[in-house]
Amino acid sequence: MITAVDHVQLAAPPGTEGALRAFYAGVLGLTEIPKPPALAARGGCWFGTGTVQLHLGIETTGFRPARKAHPGLRVTGIEAYAARLEARGTPVTWDDELPGHRRFYCADPVGNRLEFLEPDGHERP
């Protein structure tokens, strides 16, 4: 029986860890999680907050950013959160097609799609 999602992994090209740290920790406000030494040798970085973890793994050949597949991240104060991203140079695209939610999308520094959403007090149909 599945009880929870442990983490979501996205890919990134080699040598982008600095940009990923600046974005995921500096812009999004996540905390970097130390990788175990055997996994750290592969590159990449892990981030989290509460029970949410995002892992960025290095794709050594043929990297292509996830433009359709994406993590959906719940936030509070979505308007302020979007303003925070835009003030730090990350454009956001609002989408009003999910009933009961405010949401927007953005891309991380390597082009992976991220969704941010906040329930607006209404249940999904």
N, C-alpha and C. Protein backbone atom coordinates (compact mmCIF):
# COMPACT_ATOMS: atom_id res chain seq x y z
N MET A 1 0.84 -1.17 0.00
CA MET A 1 0.00 0.00 0.00
C MET A 1 0.89 1.24 0.00
N ILE A 2 0.59 2.20 -0.85
CA ILE A 2 1.32 3.47 -0.89
C ILE A 2 0.75 4.37 0.19
N THR A 3 1.64 4.99 0.98
CA THR A 3 1.19 5.85 2.07
C THR A 3 1.51 7.32 1.87
N ALA A 4 2.45 7.63 1.00
CA ALA A 4 2.83 9.03 0.78
C ALA A 4 3.78 9.10 -0.41
N VAL A 5 3.96 10.30 -0.93
CA VAL A 5 5.01 10.54 -1.92
C VAL A 5 6.24 10.97 -1.13
N ASP A 6 7.34 10.27 -1.29
CA ASP A 6 8.56 10.59 -0.55
C ASP A 6 9.25 11.82 -1.12
N HIS A 7 9.35 11.90 -2.44
CA HIS A 7 9.98 13.05 -3.09
C HIS A 7 9.63 13.06 -4.57
N VAL A 8 9.90 14.17 -5.20
CA VAL A 8 9.77 14.30 -6.64
C VAL A 8 11.17 14.62 -7.16
N GLN A 9 11.59 13.94 -8.22
CA GLN A 9 12.90 14.24 -8.80
C GLN A 9 12.73 14.87 -10.17
N LEU A 10 13.49 15.93 -10.38
CA LEU A 10 13.59 16.59 -11.68
C LEU A 10 15.03 16.46 -12.15
N ALA A 11 15.23 16.54 -13.44
CA ALA A 11 16.58 16.43 -14.00
C ALA A 11 17.16 17.81 -14.26
N ALA A 12 18.48 17.85 -14.31
CA ALA A 12 19.21 19.08 -14.62
C ALA A 12 20.51 18.69 -15.33
N PRO A 13 21.03 19.59 -16.16
CA PRO A 13 22.29 19.27 -16.84
C PRO A 13 23.49 19.43 -15.90
N PRO A 14 24.60 18.81 -16.24
CA PRO A 14 25.80 18.92 -15.41
C PRO A 14 26.23 20.38 -15.22
N GLY A 15 26.76 20.66 -14.04
CA GLY A 15 27.32 21.98 -13.75
C GLY A 15 26.32 23.05 -13.38
N THR A 16 25.06 22.69 -13.15
CA THR A 16 24.03 23.70 -12.85
C THR A 16 23.66 23.78 -11.37
N GLU A 17 24.38 23.07 -10.53
CA GLU A 17 24.02 23.04 -9.11
C GLU A 17 23.98 24.43 -8.48
N GLY A 18 24.91 25.31 -8.84
CA GLY A 18 24.92 26.66 -8.28
C GLY A 18 23.65 27.42 -8.61
N ALA A 19 23.22 27.36 -9.87
CA ALA A 19 21.98 28.03 -10.28
C ALA A 19 20.78 27.39 -9.61
N LEU A 20 20.79 26.07 -9.45
CA LEU A 20 19.69 25.39 -8.78
C LEU A 20 19.60 25.80 -7.32
N ARG A 21 20.74 25.87 -6.65
CA ARG A 21 20.74 26.30 -5.24
C ARG A 21 20.23 27.73 -5.11
N ALA A 22 20.68 28.61 -5.99
CA ALA A 22 20.24 30.01 -5.95
C ALA A 22 18.72 30.10 -6.12
N PHE A 23 18.17 29.28 -6.99
CA PHE A 23 16.73 29.32 -7.25
C PHE A 23 15.93 28.61 -6.16
N TYR A 24 16.22 27.33 -5.92
CA TYR A 24 15.38 26.56 -5.00
C TYR A 24 15.53 27.02 -3.55
N ALA A 25 16.73 27.38 -3.13
CA ALA A 25 16.90 27.88 -1.76
C ALA A 25 16.68 29.39 -1.71
N GLY A 26 17.34 30.14 -2.60
CA GLY A 26 17.29 31.59 -2.54
C GLY A 26 15.97 32.19 -2.97
N VAL A 27 15.41 31.72 -4.08
CA VAL A 27 14.16 32.30 -4.60
C VAL A 27 12.94 31.62 -3.99
N LEU A 28 12.90 30.28 -4.04
CA LEU A 28 11.73 29.57 -3.52
C LEU A 28 11.72 29.46 -2.00
N GLY A 29 12.88 29.58 -1.36
CA GLY A 29 12.92 29.52 0.10
C GLY A 29 12.97 28.13 0.69
N LEU A 30 13.32 27.12 -0.13
CA LEU A 30 13.46 25.76 0.38
C LEU A 30 14.81 25.60 1.07
N THR A 31 14.91 24.59 1.89
CA THR A 31 16.16 24.29 2.60
C THR A 31 16.88 23.17 1.87
N GLU A 32 18.18 23.35 1.64
CA GLU A 32 18.93 22.27 1.01
C GLU A 32 19.11 21.13 2.01
N ILE A 33 18.90 19.91 1.52
CA ILE A 33 19.05 18.69 2.32
C ILE A 33 20.35 18.03 1.90
N PRO A 34 21.27 17.78 2.84
CA PRO A 34 22.53 17.11 2.47
C PRO A 34 22.25 15.73 1.87
N LYS A 35 22.91 15.44 0.76
CA LYS A 35 22.78 14.13 0.15
C LYS A 35 23.75 13.16 0.82
N PRO A 36 23.39 11.88 0.92
CA PRO A 36 24.35 10.90 1.42
C PRO A 36 25.60 10.91 0.52
N PRO A 37 26.79 10.69 1.09
CA PRO A 37 28.03 10.80 0.32
C PRO A 37 28.05 10.02 -1.00
N ALA A 38 27.54 8.80 -1.01
CA ALA A 38 27.56 8.00 -2.24
C ALA A 38 26.69 8.64 -3.32
N LEU A 39 25.60 9.28 -2.93
CA LEU A 39 24.73 9.95 -3.90
C LEU A 39 25.24 11.34 -4.24
N ALA A 40 25.90 12.00 -3.31
CA ALA A 40 26.45 13.33 -3.57
C ALA A 40 27.50 13.28 -4.67
N ALA A 41 28.19 12.16 -4.78
CA ALA A 41 29.23 12.02 -5.80
C ALA A 41 28.63 12.08 -7.22
N ARG A 42 27.34 11.86 -7.35
CA ARG A 42 26.67 11.91 -8.66
C ARG A 42 26.29 13.33 -9.07
N GLY A 43 26.44 14.29 -8.15
CA GLY A 43 26.03 15.67 -8.42
C GLY A 43 24.57 15.86 -8.09
N GLY A 44 24.06 17.04 -8.43
CA GLY A 44 22.68 17.36 -8.13
C GLY A 44 22.53 17.87 -6.71
N CYS A 45 21.32 18.15 -6.33
CA CYS A 45 21.04 18.64 -4.98
C CYS A 45 19.59 18.36 -4.60
N TRP A 46 19.36 18.29 -3.29
CA TRP A 46 18.03 18.01 -2.75
C TRP A 46 17.58 19.20 -1.93
N PHE A 47 16.26 19.45 -1.95
CA PHE A 47 15.67 20.56 -1.20
C PHE A 47 14.39 20.09 -0.55
N GLY A 48 13.99 20.78 0.51
CA GLY A 48 12.74 20.42 1.15
C GLY A 48 12.21 21.49 2.07
N THR A 49 10.97 21.28 2.46
CA THR A 49 10.30 22.08 3.48
C THR A 49 9.20 21.21 4.04
N GLY A 50 9.11 21.10 5.35
CA GLY A 50 8.11 20.21 5.94
C GLY A 50 8.28 18.80 5.41
N THR A 51 7.22 18.23 4.86
CA THR A 51 7.28 16.87 4.32
C THR A 51 7.51 16.85 2.81
N VAL A 52 7.71 18.01 2.20
CA VAL A 52 7.90 18.11 0.75
C VAL A 52 9.38 18.09 0.41
N GLN A 53 9.77 17.20 -0.50
CA GLN A 53 11.16 17.17 -0.97
C GLN A 53 11.20 17.20 -2.49
N LEU A 54 12.11 18.01 -3.02
CA LEU A 54 12.40 18.03 -4.45
C LEU A 54 13.86 17.65 -4.61
N HIS A 55 14.11 16.67 -5.46
CA HIS A 55 15.48 16.24 -5.75
C HIS A 55 15.79 16.66 -7.17
N LEU A 56 16.95 17.25 -7.37
CA LEU A 56 17.42 17.62 -8.70
C LEU A 56 18.60 16.72 -9.01
N GLY A 57 18.39 15.81 -9.95
CA GLY A 57 19.41 14.86 -10.34
C GLY A 57 20.06 15.28 -11.65
N ILE A 58 21.34 14.99 -11.76
CA ILE A 58 22.08 15.37 -12.95
C ILE A 58 21.87 14.34 -14.05
N GLU A 59 21.42 14.83 -15.19
CA GLU A 59 21.24 14.01 -16.40
C GLU A 59 22.48 14.24 -17.26
N THR A 60 23.35 13.24 -17.32
CA THR A 60 24.64 13.45 -17.96
C THR A 60 24.58 13.44 -19.48
N THR A 61 23.54 12.83 -20.07
CA THR A 61 23.43 12.83 -21.52
C THR A 61 22.00 13.14 -21.93
N GLY A 62 21.84 13.98 -22.91
CA GLY A 62 20.53 14.24 -23.48
C GLY A 62 19.55 14.94 -22.58
N PHE A 63 20.01 15.82 -21.71
CA PHE A 63 19.07 16.53 -20.82
C PHE A 63 18.01 17.27 -21.62
N ARG A 64 16.77 17.11 -21.19
CA ARG A 64 15.64 17.88 -21.71
C ARG A 64 14.79 18.28 -20.51
N PRO A 65 14.49 19.56 -20.34
CA PRO A 65 13.68 19.97 -19.19
C PRO A 65 12.27 19.41 -19.28
N ALA A 66 11.67 19.18 -18.13
CA ALA A 66 10.28 18.74 -18.07
C ALA A 66 9.39 19.94 -18.32
N ARG A 67 8.75 19.99 -19.47
CA ARG A 67 7.90 21.13 -19.81
C ARG A 67 6.42 20.84 -19.60
N LYS A 68 6.03 19.58 -19.55
CA LYS A 68 4.65 19.21 -19.26
C LYS A 68 4.57 18.58 -17.88
N ALA A 69 5.36 17.52 -17.65
CA ALA A 69 5.40 16.90 -16.33
C ALA A 69 5.95 17.92 -15.34
N HIS A 70 5.42 17.93 -14.11
CA HIS A 70 5.84 18.93 -13.14
C HIS A 70 5.36 18.58 -11.75
N PRO A 71 6.03 19.08 -10.71
CA PRO A 71 5.47 18.97 -9.37
C PRO A 71 4.46 20.10 -9.17
N GLY A 72 3.40 19.82 -8.44
CA GLY A 72 2.43 20.84 -8.04
C GLY A 72 2.67 21.15 -6.57
N LEU A 73 3.07 22.36 -6.27
CA LEU A 73 3.47 22.75 -4.92
C LEU A 73 2.41 23.66 -4.30
N ARG A 74 1.86 23.25 -3.16
CA ARG A 74 0.88 24.06 -2.44
C ARG A 74 1.61 25.18 -1.70
N VAL A 75 1.04 26.37 -1.78
CA VAL A 75 1.60 27.52 -1.09
C VAL A 75 0.49 28.24 -0.34
N THR A 76 0.87 29.10 0.57
CA THR A 76 -0.05 30.03 1.21
C THR A 76 0.35 31.42 0.76
N GLY A 77 -0.63 32.30 0.62
CA GLY A 77 -0.33 33.65 0.16
C GLY A 77 0.19 33.65 -1.26
N ILE A 78 -0.55 33.03 -2.16
CA ILE A 78 -0.05 32.80 -3.52
C ILE A 78 0.28 34.10 -4.26
N GLU A 79 -0.50 35.16 -4.05
CA GLU A 79 -0.21 36.43 -4.73
C GLU A 79 1.16 36.96 -4.31
N ALA A 80 1.43 36.94 -3.01
CA ALA A 80 2.73 37.41 -2.51
C ALA A 80 3.86 36.49 -2.98
N TYR A 81 3.58 35.19 -3.06
CA TYR A 81 4.60 34.25 -3.51
C TYR A 81 4.95 34.50 -4.97
N ALA A 82 3.94 34.74 -5.80
CA ALA A 82 4.19 35.05 -7.21
C ALA A 82 4.98 36.35 -7.33
N ALA A 83 4.62 37.35 -6.54
CA ALA A 83 5.34 38.63 -6.57
C ALA A 83 6.80 38.43 -6.16
N ARG A 84 7.04 37.55 -5.19
CA ARG A 84 8.42 37.25 -4.75
C ARG A 84 9.23 36.67 -5.92
N LEU A 85 8.65 35.72 -6.63
CA LEU A 85 9.36 35.12 -7.77
C LEU A 85 9.64 36.17 -8.85
N GLU A 86 8.64 36.96 -9.19
CA GLU A 86 8.82 37.96 -10.23
C GLU A 86 9.84 39.02 -9.83
N ALA A 87 9.86 39.41 -8.56
CA ALA A 87 10.83 40.39 -8.08
C ALA A 87 12.26 39.86 -8.16
N ARG A 88 12.39 38.53 -8.16
CA ARG A 88 13.72 37.90 -8.26
C ARG A 88 14.02 37.40 -9.67
N GLY A 89 13.25 37.90 -10.64
CA GLY A 89 13.55 37.62 -12.04
C GLY A 89 12.95 36.37 -12.63
N THR A 90 11.98 35.76 -11.94
CA THR A 90 11.34 34.55 -12.46
C THR A 90 9.92 34.89 -12.90
N PRO A 91 9.67 34.91 -14.20
CA PRO A 91 8.32 35.20 -14.68
C PRO A 91 7.34 34.09 -14.28
N VAL A 92 6.11 34.47 -14.00
CA VAL A 92 5.06 33.50 -13.68
C VAL A 92 3.93 33.64 -14.70
N THR A 93 3.24 32.53 -14.93
CA THR A 93 2.09 32.50 -15.83
C THR A 93 0.89 32.00 -15.03
N TRP A 94 -0.09 32.87 -14.85
CA TRP A 94 -1.30 32.50 -14.10
C TRP A 94 -2.20 31.64 -14.96
N ASP A 95 -2.94 30.73 -14.29
CA ASP A 95 -3.87 29.83 -14.97
C ASP A 95 -5.09 29.70 -14.08
N ASP A 96 -6.28 29.98 -14.63
CA ASP A 96 -7.50 29.92 -13.82
C ASP A 96 -8.40 28.75 -14.19
N GLU A 97 -7.82 27.70 -14.76
CA GLU A 97 -8.62 26.58 -15.25
C GLU A 97 -8.87 25.48 -14.23
N LEU A 98 -8.30 25.56 -13.03
CA LEU A 98 -8.52 24.54 -12.01
C LEU A 98 -9.53 25.09 -11.00
N PRO A 99 -10.77 24.61 -11.04
CA PRO A 99 -11.79 25.13 -10.12
C PRO A 99 -11.35 25.00 -8.66
N GLY A 100 -11.65 26.04 -7.89
CA GLY A 100 -11.36 26.00 -6.46
C GLY A 100 -9.94 26.34 -6.10
N HIS A 101 -9.13 26.76 -7.05
CA HIS A 101 -7.72 27.06 -6.78
C HIS A 101 -7.26 28.29 -7.53
N ARG A 102 -6.30 28.98 -6.96
CA ARG A 102 -5.50 29.98 -7.66
C ARG A 102 -4.20 29.26 -7.96
N ARG A 103 -3.68 29.44 -9.17
CA ARG A 103 -2.42 28.76 -9.49
C ARG A 103 -1.67 29.51 -10.58
N PHE A 104 -0.35 29.25 -10.58
CA PHE A 104 0.52 29.77 -11.63
C PHE A 104 1.63 28.78 -11.88
N TYR A 105 2.29 28.98 -12.99
CA TYR A 105 3.44 28.17 -13.39
C TYR A 105 4.66 29.05 -13.55
N CYS A 106 5.82 28.46 -13.38
CA CYS A 106 7.08 29.12 -13.73
C CYS A 106 8.06 28.03 -14.13
N ALA A 107 9.23 28.44 -14.56
CA ALA A 107 10.29 27.49 -14.92
C ALA A 107 11.48 27.70 -14.00
N ASP A 108 12.14 26.61 -13.65
CA ASP A 108 13.37 26.73 -12.86
C ASP A 108 14.50 27.16 -13.80
N PRO A 109 15.72 27.36 -13.30
CA PRO A 109 16.81 27.87 -14.14
C PRO A 109 17.19 26.98 -15.32
N VAL A 110 16.82 25.70 -15.28
CA VAL A 110 17.16 24.81 -16.39
C VAL A 110 15.94 24.49 -17.26
N GLY A 111 14.81 25.15 -16.99
CA GLY A 111 13.64 25.01 -17.84
C GLY A 111 12.57 24.04 -17.37
N ASN A 112 12.74 23.41 -16.20
CA ASN A 112 11.71 22.51 -15.69
C ASN A 112 10.49 23.30 -15.24
N ARG A 113 9.31 22.81 -15.59
CA ARG A 113 8.05 23.45 -15.23
C ARG A 113 7.71 23.17 -13.77
N LEU A 114 7.26 24.21 -13.06
CA LEU A 114 6.81 24.09 -11.68
C LEU A 114 5.42 24.72 -11.58
N GLU A 115 4.53 24.08 -10.85
CA GLU A 115 3.19 24.61 -10.61
C GLU A 115 3.06 24.97 -9.13
N PHE A 116 2.47 26.12 -8.86
CA PHE A 116 2.20 26.57 -7.49
C PHE A 116 0.71 26.80 -7.38
N LEU A 117 0.09 26.27 -6.33
CA LEU A 117 -1.34 26.43 -6.20
C LEU A 117 -1.76 26.60 -4.75
N GLU A 118 -2.90 27.28 -4.60
CA GLU A 118 -3.49 27.51 -3.29
C GLU A 118 -5.00 27.36 -3.42
N PRO A 119 -5.61 26.49 -2.58
CA PRO A 119 -7.06 26.38 -2.63
C PRO A 119 -7.69 27.73 -2.29
N ASP A 120 -8.81 28.05 -2.97
CA ASP A 120 -9.46 29.32 -2.70
C ASP A 120 -10.67 29.17 -1.78
N GLY A 121 -10.76 28.03 -1.12
CA GLY A 121 -11.85 27.81 -0.19
C GLY A 121 -12.98 26.98 -0.76
N HIS A 122 -12.93 26.66 -2.04
CA HIS A 122 -13.96 25.84 -2.68
C HIS A 122 -13.42 24.44 -2.96
N GLU A 123 -14.28 23.49 -2.91
CA GLU A 123 -13.88 22.12 -3.21
C GLU A 123 -13.79 21.91 -4.71
N ARG A 124 -12.95 20.98 -5.12
CA ARG A 124 -12.91 20.59 -6.54
C ARG A 124 -14.24 19.92 -6.89
N PRO A 125 -14.69 20.07 -8.15
CA PRO A 125 -15.96 19.42 -8.53
C PRO A 125 -15.83 17.91 -8.53
